[in-house]
Amino acid sequence: MKVTVSRKAHFNAAHRLYRKDWEHEKNDEIFGKCNNPNFHGHNYELIVSVTGEIDKETGYVIDMKVLKDIIKDEVEDAFDHKNLNVEVPEFQDLNPTAENIAVVIYNKIKPKLDVKLSLEITLYETPRNFVSYSGN
């Protein structure tokens, strides 16, 4: 029997959506106000969902304290109150769209989990705009 457990987290970060290899006009056309050269910020809400078999000894899919610590180390400490374009190495050459941020978070957390566990990342950039990624 497989069960999914989830933990919510939060971080605030600034970013600018643009491509260095495009002219300013094309960046403006594609990314609009998200191309602000002075950056803009979001209050990101994150849901990390882990799916697996319930351990017969502990009753856990994963110890939530362990998951909390992984999220703190890999996401909150790395992204909170940062300029993603400038201060986060993963986005030096990767446009920090919500889609790319979700994939980066997945790639940071997945290696920390038992290989038998599945992972899904849901990232809310705004209360109405969110993305999900599960490694596919």
Protein backbone atom coordinates (compact mmCIF):
# COMPACT_ATOMS: atom_id res chain seq x y z
CA MET A 1 0.00 0.00 0.00
CA LYS A 2 1.49 3.33 -1.08
CA VAL A 3 0.78 6.54 0.79
CA THR A 4 1.73 10.14 -0.01
CA VAL A 5 2.83 12.48 2.78
CA SER A 6 3.38 16.19 2.20
CA ARG A 7 5.09 19.07 3.91
CA LYS A 8 4.51 22.75 3.19
CA ALA A 9 7.31 25.29 3.23
CA HIS A 10 7.75 28.92 2.31
CA PHE A 11 10.46 31.20 0.97
CA ASN A 12 10.67 34.75 -0.34
CA ALA A 13 12.90 35.43 -3.31
CA ALA A 14 13.50 37.93 -6.08
CA HIS A 15 14.14 37.13 -9.71
CA ARG A 16 14.13 38.49 -13.23
CA LEU A 17 12.86 36.50 -16.19
CA TYR A 18 15.02 37.15 -19.23
CA ARG A 19 17.50 35.58 -21.58
CA LYS A 20 20.97 37.08 -21.77
CA ASP A 21 21.21 36.18 -25.45
CA TRP A 22 18.05 38.15 -26.41
CA GLU A 23 17.69 41.86 -27.06
CA HIS A 24 15.87 43.88 -24.39
CA GLU A 25 12.87 44.31 -26.71
CA LYS A 26 12.42 40.57 -27.20
CA ASN A 27 12.75 39.94 -23.45
CA ASP A 28 10.09 42.62 -22.86
CA GLU A 29 7.82 41.08 -25.47
CA ILE A 30 8.09 37.56 -24.00
CA PHE A 31 8.45 38.22 -20.26
CA GLY A 32 6.76 41.63 -19.86
CA LYS A 33 7.03 43.19 -16.41
CA CYS A 34 8.81 40.05 -15.16
CA ASN A 35 11.79 41.30 -17.21
CA ASN A 36 12.28 44.26 -14.84
CA PRO A 37 16.08 44.87 -14.76
CA ASN A 38 15.70 45.73 -11.05
CA PHE A 39 14.09 42.34 -10.35
CA HIS A 40 10.80 41.58 -8.58
CA GLY A 41 9.85 39.21 -5.78
CA HIS A 42 7.43 36.48 -4.81
CA ASN A 43 6.29 34.81 -1.61
CA TYR A 44 6.71 31.23 -2.80
CA GLU A 45 4.71 28.42 -1.20
CA LEU A 46 6.16 24.96 -1.60
CA ILE A 47 4.57 21.55 -1.12
CA VAL A 48 6.95 18.59 -1.05
CA SER A 49 5.11 15.28 -1.44
CA VAL A 50 6.77 11.92 -0.85
CA THR A 51 5.10 8.65 -1.85
CA GLY A 52 6.09 5.19 -0.72
CA GLU A 53 5.23 2.11 1.27
CA ILE A 54 4.50 2.52 4.97
CA ASP A 55 7.39 1.16 7.02
CA LYS A 56 6.01 -1.71 9.13
CA GLU A 57 8.25 -0.86 12.10
CA THR A 58 7.76 2.92 12.27
CA GLY A 59 4.45 3.43 10.51
CA TYR A 60 6.10 6.20 8.46
CA VAL A 61 6.59 6.68 4.74
CA ILE A 62 9.31 9.14 5.79
CA ASP A 63 10.00 10.75 9.14
CA MET A 64 8.55 14.26 8.72
CA LYS A 65 11.36 15.72 10.83
CA VAL A 66 13.84 14.31 8.31
CA LEU A 67 11.81 15.79 5.42
CA LYS A 68 11.57 19.14 7.24
CA ASP A 69 15.37 19.23 7.66
CA ILE A 70 15.99 18.34 4.00
CA ILE A 71 13.66 21.15 2.86
CA LYS A 72 15.33 23.62 5.23
CA ASP A 73 18.85 22.70 4.10
CA GLU A 74 18.22 22.32 0.37
CA VAL A 75 15.56 24.97 -0.29
CA GLU A 76 14.84 27.45 2.48
CA ASP A 77 18.47 28.14 3.44
CA ALA A 78 19.48 28.24 -0.24
CA PHE A 79 16.64 30.40 -1.65
CA ASP A 80 14.97 32.44 1.14
CA HIS A 81 15.54 36.19 0.88
CA LYS A 82 17.85 35.70 -2.10
CA ASN A 83 18.01 37.11 -5.58
CA LEU A 84 17.74 33.86 -7.51
CA ASN A 85 19.50 35.21 -10.63
CA VAL A 86 22.45 36.61 -8.68
CA GLU A 87 22.87 34.56 -5.50
CA VAL A 88 21.78 31.01 -6.37
CA PRO A 89 24.33 29.08 -8.47
CA GLU A 90 21.71 26.87 -10.15
CA PHE A 91 20.23 29.95 -11.87
CA GLN A 92 23.43 31.52 -13.18
CA ASP A 93 22.59 30.16 -16.64
CA LEU A 94 19.00 29.01 -16.09
CA ASN A 95 16.00 31.35 -16.28
CA PRO A 96 14.36 31.19 -12.80
CA THR A 97 10.81 30.56 -13.99
CA ALA A 98 8.48 28.73 -11.61
CA GLU A 99 8.90 25.67 -13.83
CA ASN A 100 12.70 25.75 -13.57
CA ILE A 101 12.64 26.49 -9.84
CA ALA A 102 10.43 23.43 -9.26
CA VAL A 103 12.81 21.20 -11.27
CA VAL A 104 15.85 22.57 -9.38
CA ILE A 105 14.14 21.92 -6.04
CA TYR A 106 13.27 18.37 -7.14
CA ASN A 107 16.87 17.76 -8.19
CA LYS A 108 18.17 19.04 -4.83
CA ILE A 109 15.76 16.95 -2.71
CA LYS A 110 15.49 13.67 -4.65
CA PRO A 111 19.08 12.48 -3.96
CA LYS A 112 18.48 12.95 -0.22
CA LEU A 113 15.56 10.47 -0.22
CA ASP A 114 15.55 6.68 -0.18
CA VAL A 115 15.48 5.48 -3.80
CA LYS A 116 12.20 3.61 -3.13
CA LEU A 117 10.39 6.91 -2.51
CA SER A 118 8.72 9.01 -5.20
CA LEU A 119 8.83 12.81 -5.04
CA GLU A 120 6.54 15.54 -6.31
CA ILE A 121 7.23 19.25 -5.98
CA THR A 122 4.38 21.77 -6.15
CA LEU A 123 5.50 25.39 -6.19
CA TYR A 124 3.10 28.32 -5.87
CA GLU A 125 4.55 31.52 -7.30
CA THR A 126 1.28 33.31 -6.51
CA PRO A 127 -1.89 31.96 -4.93
CA ARG A 128 -3.28 31.36 -8.44
CA ASN A 129 -0.14 30.35 -10.37
CA PHE A 130 1.60 27.11 -9.50
CA VAL A 131 3.56 24.28 -11.10
CA SER A 132 4.10 20.64 -10.22
CA TYR A 133 7.03 18.40 -11.11
CA SER A 134 7.59 14.74 -10.32
CA GLY A 135 10.69 13.89 -12.33
CA ASN A 136 9.02 13.16 -15.67
